């Protein structure tokens, strides 16, 4: 079994994730593009707390989860995305979907949860 966890951090002049309906659709489309199955439909909520304004969203997939957080008032805007699955997927598909929005910077890290150090 694979335990691939992709962590993505990207910044934008203006985040594309400012609407909950858009974010839910984008997340559902991403699930399909990485050949996963939705277990629990995407949910997204807007936070208006000063210093933390933005959208938080998640989708449970049959092989784990996808989670997104955006900060629309930070300069530049920030988006953090996690894609964790015990089924393999192409990380380039995920990063390409974010690159469509022309980020200022996109960086990522892959964690193989099978290779943790023992305590």
N, C-alpha and C. Protein backbone atom coordinates (compact mmCIF):
# COMPACT_ATOMS: atom_id res chain seq x y z
N UNK A 1 0.84 -1.18 0.00
CA UNK A 1 0.00 0.00 0.00
C UNK A 1 0.88 1.24 0.00
N UNK A 2 0.47 2.25 -0.74
CA UNK A 2 1.19 3.52 -0.85
C UNK A 2 0.60 4.50 0.16
N UNK A 3 1.45 5.36 0.70
CA UNK A 3 0.99 6.41 1.60
C UNK A 3 1.62 7.72 1.17
N UNK A 4 1.16 8.26 0.05
CA UNK A 4 1.73 9.47 -0.53
C UNK A 4 0.97 10.68 -0.02
N UNK A 5 1.72 11.64 0.53
CA UNK A 5 1.14 12.87 1.05
C UNK A 5 1.84 14.04 0.38
N UNK A 6 1.11 14.74 -0.46
CA UNK A 6 1.63 15.91 -1.18
C UNK A 6 1.22 17.16 -0.42
N UNK A 7 2.19 17.99 -0.10
CA UNK A 7 1.95 19.28 0.56
C UNK A 7 2.35 20.37 -0.43
N UNK A 8 1.43 21.25 -0.76
CA UNK A 8 1.69 22.31 -1.72
C UNK A 8 1.47 23.66 -1.05
N UNK A 9 2.38 24.58 -1.31
CA UNK A 9 2.24 25.96 -0.84
C UNK A 9 2.42 26.85 -2.06
N UNK A 10 1.46 27.72 -2.29
CA UNK A 10 1.61 28.64 -3.42
C UNK A 10 1.06 30.01 -3.06
N UNK A 11 1.64 31.01 -3.71
CA UNK A 11 1.20 32.38 -3.48
C UNK A 11 0.71 32.97 -4.80
N UNK A 12 -0.23 33.88 -4.66
CA UNK A 12 -0.88 34.50 -5.81
C UNK A 12 -1.02 36.00 -5.57
N UNK A 13 -1.03 36.77 -6.65
CA UNK A 13 -1.41 38.17 -6.51
C UNK A 13 -2.83 38.24 -5.99
N UNK A 14 -3.70 37.37 -6.53
CA UNK A 14 -5.08 37.25 -6.04
C UNK A 14 -5.43 35.77 -6.10
N UNK A 15 -5.75 35.20 -4.95
CA UNK A 15 -6.08 33.78 -4.90
C UNK A 15 -7.32 33.47 -5.74
N UNK A 16 -7.31 32.36 -6.46
CA UNK A 16 -8.52 31.97 -7.19
C UNK A 16 -9.60 31.41 -6.26
N UNK A 17 -9.24 31.12 -5.03
CA UNK A 17 -10.15 30.47 -4.10
C UNK A 17 -10.79 31.50 -3.17
N UNK A 18 -11.73 32.28 -3.74
CA UNK A 18 -12.43 33.31 -2.97
C UNK A 18 -13.92 33.02 -2.87
N UNK A 19 -14.37 31.97 -3.52
CA UNK A 19 -15.78 31.61 -3.55
C UNK A 19 -15.91 30.14 -3.15
N UNK A 20 -16.80 29.86 -2.20
CA UNK A 20 -16.93 28.48 -1.73
C UNK A 20 -17.42 27.55 -2.83
N UNK A 21 -18.35 27.99 -3.66
CA UNK A 21 -18.87 27.12 -4.72
C UNK A 21 -17.78 26.79 -5.75
N UNK A 22 -16.99 27.80 -6.14
CA UNK A 22 -15.88 27.55 -7.06
C UNK A 22 -14.89 26.56 -6.44
N UNK A 23 -14.56 26.75 -5.18
CA UNK A 23 -13.58 25.89 -4.51
C UNK A 23 -14.07 24.45 -4.45
N UNK A 24 -15.34 24.24 -4.12
CA UNK A 24 -15.89 22.88 -4.08
C UNK A 24 -15.85 22.23 -5.46
N UNK A 25 -16.20 22.97 -6.49
CA UNK A 25 -16.17 22.41 -7.85
C UNK A 25 -14.74 22.09 -8.26
N UNK A 26 -13.81 23.00 -7.99
CA UNK A 26 -12.41 22.78 -8.34
C UNK A 26 -11.89 21.53 -7.65
N UNK A 27 -12.24 21.37 -6.38
CA UNK A 27 -11.77 20.21 -5.63
C UNK A 27 -12.37 18.92 -6.19
N UNK A 28 -13.66 18.92 -6.51
CA UNK A 28 -14.30 17.73 -7.10
C UNK A 28 -13.66 17.39 -8.44
N UNK A 29 -13.36 18.41 -9.24
CA UNK A 29 -12.70 18.18 -10.52
C UNK A 29 -11.30 17.61 -10.32
N UNK A 30 -10.59 18.10 -9.31
CA UNK A 30 -9.25 17.58 -9.01
C UNK A 30 -9.31 16.10 -8.65
N UNK A 31 -10.28 15.73 -7.85
CA UNK A 31 -10.44 14.32 -7.47
C UNK A 31 -10.55 13.46 -8.72
N UNK A 32 -11.36 13.88 -9.65
CA UNK A 32 -11.53 13.14 -10.90
C UNK A 32 -10.24 13.10 -11.71
N UNK A 33 -9.55 14.23 -11.79
CA UNK A 33 -8.33 14.30 -12.61
C UNK A 33 -7.20 13.44 -12.07
N UNK A 34 -7.17 13.20 -10.77
CA UNK A 34 -6.12 12.34 -10.22
C UNK A 34 -6.62 10.90 -10.04
N UNK A 35 -7.76 10.61 -10.66
CA UNK A 35 -8.32 9.26 -10.71
C UNK A 35 -8.65 8.70 -9.33
N UNK A 36 -9.28 9.55 -8.52
CA UNK A 36 -9.74 9.13 -7.20
C UNK A 36 -11.26 9.12 -7.18
N UNK A 37 -11.83 8.66 -6.07
CA UNK A 37 -13.28 8.62 -5.92
C UNK A 37 -13.68 9.40 -4.67
N UNK A 38 -14.74 10.19 -4.80
CA UNK A 38 -15.24 10.96 -3.67
C UNK A 38 -15.97 10.02 -2.70
N UNK A 39 -15.60 10.12 -1.45
CA UNK A 39 -16.29 9.40 -0.38
C UNK A 39 -17.29 10.34 0.30
N UNK A 40 -16.89 11.60 0.49
CA UNK A 40 -17.74 12.63 1.08
C UNK A 40 -17.49 13.91 0.30
N UNK A 41 -18.52 14.45 -0.29
CA UNK A 41 -18.40 15.59 -1.21
C UNK A 41 -17.64 16.76 -0.60
N UNK A 42 -16.97 17.53 -1.46
CA UNK A 42 -16.22 18.69 -0.97
C UNK A 42 -17.10 19.64 -0.17
N UNK A 43 -16.51 20.16 0.88
CA UNK A 43 -17.14 21.18 1.73
C UNK A 43 -16.18 22.36 1.77
N UNK A 44 -16.71 23.56 1.75
CA UNK A 44 -15.89 24.77 1.82
C UNK A 44 -16.61 25.81 2.64
N UNK A 45 -15.86 26.52 3.45
CA UNK A 45 -16.41 27.59 4.27
C UNK A 45 -15.49 28.81 4.20
N UNK A 46 -16.10 29.97 4.31
CA UNK A 46 -15.36 31.23 4.31
C UNK A 46 -15.13 31.65 5.76
N UNK A 47 -13.92 32.04 6.06
CA UNK A 47 -13.59 32.58 7.38
C UNK A 47 -13.38 34.07 7.22
N UNK A 48 -14.03 34.86 8.05
CA UNK A 48 -13.85 36.31 7.96
C UNK A 48 -13.16 36.88 9.20
N UNK A 49 -12.55 36.02 9.99
CA UNK A 49 -11.84 36.46 11.19
C UNK A 49 -10.59 37.24 10.76
N UNK A 50 -10.44 38.43 11.31
CA UNK A 50 -9.32 39.29 10.93
C UNK A 50 -7.99 38.56 11.08
N UNK A 51 -7.18 38.63 10.04
CA UNK A 51 -5.88 37.96 10.02
C UNK A 51 -5.93 36.54 9.51
N UNK A 52 -7.14 36.01 9.33
CA UNK A 52 -7.28 34.64 8.86
C UNK A 52 -8.35 34.53 7.78
N UNK A 53 -8.61 35.65 7.08
CA UNK A 53 -9.65 35.66 6.05
C UNK A 53 -9.29 34.73 4.91
N UNK A 54 -10.27 33.92 4.52
CA UNK A 54 -10.05 33.02 3.39
C UNK A 54 -10.99 31.83 3.46
N UNK A 55 -10.69 30.88 2.61
CA UNK A 55 -11.52 29.68 2.49
C UNK A 55 -10.76 28.47 3.01
N UNK A 56 -11.48 27.62 3.72
CA UNK A 56 -10.98 26.30 4.09
C UNK A 56 -11.92 25.28 3.48
N UNK A 57 -11.34 24.23 2.90
CA UNK A 57 -12.15 23.23 2.21
C UNK A 57 -11.52 21.86 2.38
N UNK A 58 -12.38 20.84 2.30
CA UNK A 58 -11.87 19.47 2.34
C UNK A 58 -12.79 18.57 1.52
N UNK A 59 -12.22 17.44 1.13
CA UNK A 59 -12.99 16.40 0.46
C UNK A 59 -12.41 15.07 0.94
N UNK A 60 -13.29 14.19 1.40
CA UNK A 60 -12.84 12.85 1.75
C UNK A 60 -12.91 12.00 0.49
N UNK A 61 -11.83 11.32 0.21
CA UNK A 61 -11.78 10.41 -0.93
C UNK A 61 -11.69 8.99 -0.39
N UNK A 62 -12.01 8.01 -1.20
CA UNK A 62 -12.03 6.63 -0.70
C UNK A 62 -10.66 6.18 -0.21
N UNK A 63 -9.62 6.87 -0.65
CA UNK A 63 -8.27 6.50 -0.24
C UNK A 63 -7.65 7.49 0.74
N UNK A 64 -8.38 8.51 1.19
CA UNK A 64 -7.97 9.42 2.26
C UNK A 64 -8.63 10.79 2.13
N UNK A 65 -7.83 11.87 1.84
CA UNK A 65 -8.43 13.20 1.85
C UNK A 65 -7.65 14.21 1.01
N UNK A 66 -8.34 15.32 0.73
CA UNK A 66 -7.74 16.51 0.13
C UNK A 66 -8.20 17.68 0.98
N UNK A 67 -7.29 18.57 1.30
CA UNK A 67 -7.61 19.70 2.16
C UNK A 67 -6.94 20.96 1.59
N UNK A 68 -7.67 22.08 1.60
CA UNK A 68 -7.16 23.34 1.06
C UNK A 68 -7.48 24.46 2.04
N UNK A 69 -6.53 25.36 2.19
CA UNK A 69 -6.73 26.59 2.97
C UNK A 69 -6.20 27.74 2.14
N UNK A 70 -6.96 28.83 2.08
CA UNK A 70 -6.49 30.02 1.37
C UNK A 70 -6.60 31.23 2.29
N UNK A 71 -5.70 32.16 2.09
CA UNK A 71 -5.70 33.41 2.85
C UNK A 71 -5.76 34.54 1.83
N UNK A 72 -6.93 35.18 1.74
CA UNK A 72 -7.17 36.18 0.70
C UNK A 72 -6.69 37.58 1.06
N UNK A 73 -6.34 37.82 2.32
CA UNK A 73 -5.92 39.15 2.72
C UNK A 73 -4.41 39.25 2.93
N UNK A 74 -3.72 38.14 2.93
CA UNK A 74 -2.25 38.19 3.03
C UNK A 74 -1.71 38.71 1.70
N UNK A 75 -0.61 39.41 1.75
CA UNK A 75 0.02 39.93 0.54
C UNK A 75 1.39 39.29 0.40
N UNK A 76 1.64 38.46 -0.60
CA UNK A 76 0.67 37.96 -1.57
C UNK A 76 -0.29 36.96 -0.92
N UNK A 77 -1.39 36.67 -1.62
CA UNK A 77 -2.36 35.68 -1.13
C UNK A 77 -1.67 34.32 -1.05
N UNK A 78 -2.11 33.52 -0.10
CA UNK A 78 -1.48 32.22 0.14
C UNK A 78 -2.51 31.11 0.01
N UNK A 79 -2.10 30.00 -0.57
CA UNK A 79 -2.92 28.79 -0.65
C UNK A 79 -2.06 27.61 -0.22
N UNK A 80 -2.59 26.80 0.68
CA UNK A 80 -1.94 25.57 1.11
C UNK A 80 -2.87 24.42 0.73
N UNK A 81 -2.32 23.38 0.12
CA UNK A 81 -3.11 22.24 -0.33
C UNK A 81 -2.42 20.95 0.11
N UNK A 82 -3.20 20.03 0.67
CA UNK A 82 -2.70 18.69 1.02
C UNK A 82 -3.49 17.67 0.21
N UNK A 83 -2.79 16.72 -0.39
CA UNK A 83 -3.44 15.59 -1.05
C UNK A 83 -2.78 14.34 -0.49
N UNK A 84 -3.56 13.57 0.27
CA UNK A 84 -3.04 12.36 0.88
C UNK A 84 -3.85 11.17 0.37
N UNK A 85 -3.14 10.13 -0.08
CA UNK A 85 -3.84 8.96 -0.59
C UNK A 85 -2.97 7.72 -0.44
N UNK A 86 -3.64 6.60 -0.22
CA UNK A 86 -2.93 5.31 -0.22
C UNK A 86 -3.05 4.66 -1.60
N UNK A 87 -3.49 5.44 -2.59
CA UNK A 87 -3.46 5.03 -3.99
C UNK A 87 -2.54 6.03 -4.70
N UNK A 88 -1.70 5.54 -5.59
CA UNK A 88 -0.76 6.42 -6.27
C UNK A 88 -1.49 7.41 -7.17
N UNK A 89 -0.91 8.57 -7.35
CA UNK A 89 -1.43 9.59 -8.25
C UNK A 89 -0.27 10.43 -8.76
N UNK A 90 -0.51 11.16 -9.84
CA UNK A 90 0.51 11.98 -10.47
C UNK A 90 0.51 13.37 -9.84
N UNK A 91 1.59 13.72 -9.15
CA UNK A 91 1.65 15.03 -8.51
C UNK A 91 1.64 16.16 -9.54
N UNK A 92 2.14 15.88 -10.75
CA UNK A 92 2.14 16.90 -11.79
C UNK A 92 0.72 17.31 -12.17
N UNK A 93 -0.21 16.38 -12.08
CA UNK A 93 -1.61 16.72 -12.35
C UNK A 93 -2.10 17.75 -11.34
N UNK A 94 -1.74 17.56 -10.08
CA UNK A 94 -2.15 18.50 -9.03
C UNK A 94 -1.49 19.86 -9.25
N UNK A 95 -0.18 19.87 -9.43
CA UNK A 95 0.52 21.15 -9.59
C UNK A 95 0.10 21.85 -10.88
N UNK A 96 -0.18 21.09 -11.93
CA UNK A 96 -0.66 21.72 -13.18
C UNK A 96 -1.99 22.42 -12.98
N UNK A 97 -2.88 21.84 -12.16
CA UNK A 97 -4.17 22.47 -11.90
C UNK A 97 -4.00 23.80 -11.16
N UNK A 98 -3.01 23.88 -10.29
CA UNK A 98 -2.73 25.15 -9.60
C UNK A 98 -1.99 26.12 -10.51
N UNK A 99 -1.11 25.61 -11.35
CA UNK A 99 -0.36 26.48 -12.27
C UNK A 99 -1.26 27.19 -13.27
N UNK A 100 -2.45 26.65 -13.52
CA UNK A 100 -3.40 27.31 -14.42
C UNK A 100 -3.79 28.70 -13.92
N UNK A 101 -3.62 28.95 -12.61
CA UNK A 101 -3.97 30.23 -12.01
C UNK A 101 -2.78 31.18 -11.92
N UNK A 102 -1.67 30.82 -12.54
CA UNK A 102 -0.46 31.66 -12.59
C UNK A 102 0.03 32.10 -11.21
N UNK A 103 0.42 31.16 -10.38
CA UNK A 103 0.93 31.55 -9.06
C UNK A 103 2.25 32.32 -9.18
N UNK A 104 2.49 33.15 -8.20
CA UNK A 104 3.78 33.83 -8.11
C UNK A 104 4.86 32.80 -7.78
N UNK A 105 4.52 31.90 -6.88
CA UNK A 105 5.45 30.86 -6.43
C UNK A 105 4.64 29.62 -6.09
N UNK A 106 5.13 28.47 -6.51
CA UNK A 106 4.51 27.20 -6.16
C UNK A 106 5.63 26.27 -5.72
N UNK A 107 5.51 25.75 -4.51
CA UNK A 107 6.50 24.79 -4.03
C UNK A 107 5.76 23.63 -3.38
N UNK A 108 6.41 22.48 -3.36
CA UNK A 108 5.75 21.31 -2.80
C UNK A 108 6.75 20.36 -2.18
N UNK A 109 6.19 19.49 -1.36
CA UNK A 109 6.98 18.44 -0.72
C UNK A 109 6.12 17.19 -0.73
N UNK A 110 6.76 16.06 -0.94
CA UNK A 110 6.07 14.77 -0.87
C UNK A 110 6.58 14.03 0.35
N UNK A 111 5.65 13.55 1.14
CA UNK A 111 5.99 12.75 2.31
C UNK A 111 5.53 11.32 2.05
N UNK A 112 6.45 10.40 2.20
CA UNK A 112 6.12 8.98 2.11
C UNK A 112 5.90 8.51 3.54
N UNK A 113 4.65 8.33 3.90
CA UNK A 113 4.32 7.99 5.29
C UNK A 113 4.73 6.58 5.66
N UNK A 114 5.20 5.78 4.71
CA UNK A 114 5.74 4.47 5.04
C UNK A 114 7.15 4.56 5.57
N UNK A 115 7.79 5.71 5.38
CA UNK A 115 9.20 5.85 5.74
C UNK A 115 9.43 6.82 6.88
N UNK A 116 8.57 6.82 7.88
CA UNK A 116 8.78 7.63 9.07
C UNK A 116 9.85 6.99 9.94
N UNK A 117 10.54 7.82 10.69
CA UNK A 117 11.50 7.31 11.66
C UNK A 117 10.76 6.81 12.89
N UNK A 118 11.28 5.77 13.49
CA UNK A 118 10.71 5.25 14.74
C UNK A 118 11.15 6.12 15.90
N UNK A 119 10.29 6.22 16.91
CA UNK A 119 10.66 6.97 18.11
C UNK A 119 11.33 6.06 19.11
